[in-house]
Amino acid sequence: MKKLRKTDLARKTFKNKGFSYSNIGSKEIGILIKILKIELAKFNNNGFRMTLQKVRKKDIEFNEDGTLKKCFLTVNGYLIENSLEQLFKDREAISFNTPDKNGNHFIGFAGWSSSANEKPFLTAFYKFMNTMENKR
């Protein structure tokens, strides 16, 4: 049996807990952002740090009923040695993509990163799911 990647397991857990985009509105996105900021502040991979980019209006959209349609959270990356050096800007952190032609949604987690650098995103997502579960 093929072992699931950590990102696939996070998506599967989301589905198995009975969550969907219809459970997520602006309040829930605010909670996820708060949790993600905390996890990113704790993260340090040999001087490599990340900060959450401010969410732009074009990166988030809600349906008429207030539920999530899409959301793209992005990060900036820095190397901290003798000085602060920006390595990249505006890369995927967590993305809630619009549905495909079959109506399936895809949640992305730092598709650019190594498994070590995806840790704060996955940790934040699991804490987010736990928060949502506790509010049921």
Foldseek 3Di string as FASTA:
>chain_A
DDDDDLQVVLVVVCVVVVHDQQLDFPVLVVLLLVQLQVLQVPDDDQQKGKHKDPFDPVQFDADPVRTGQKHFIFIWIWGDDPHTDTDGPGFGAWIFHGADPVRDIDIDHRPVDDPSVSVSSSVSSVVSVVVSSVVD
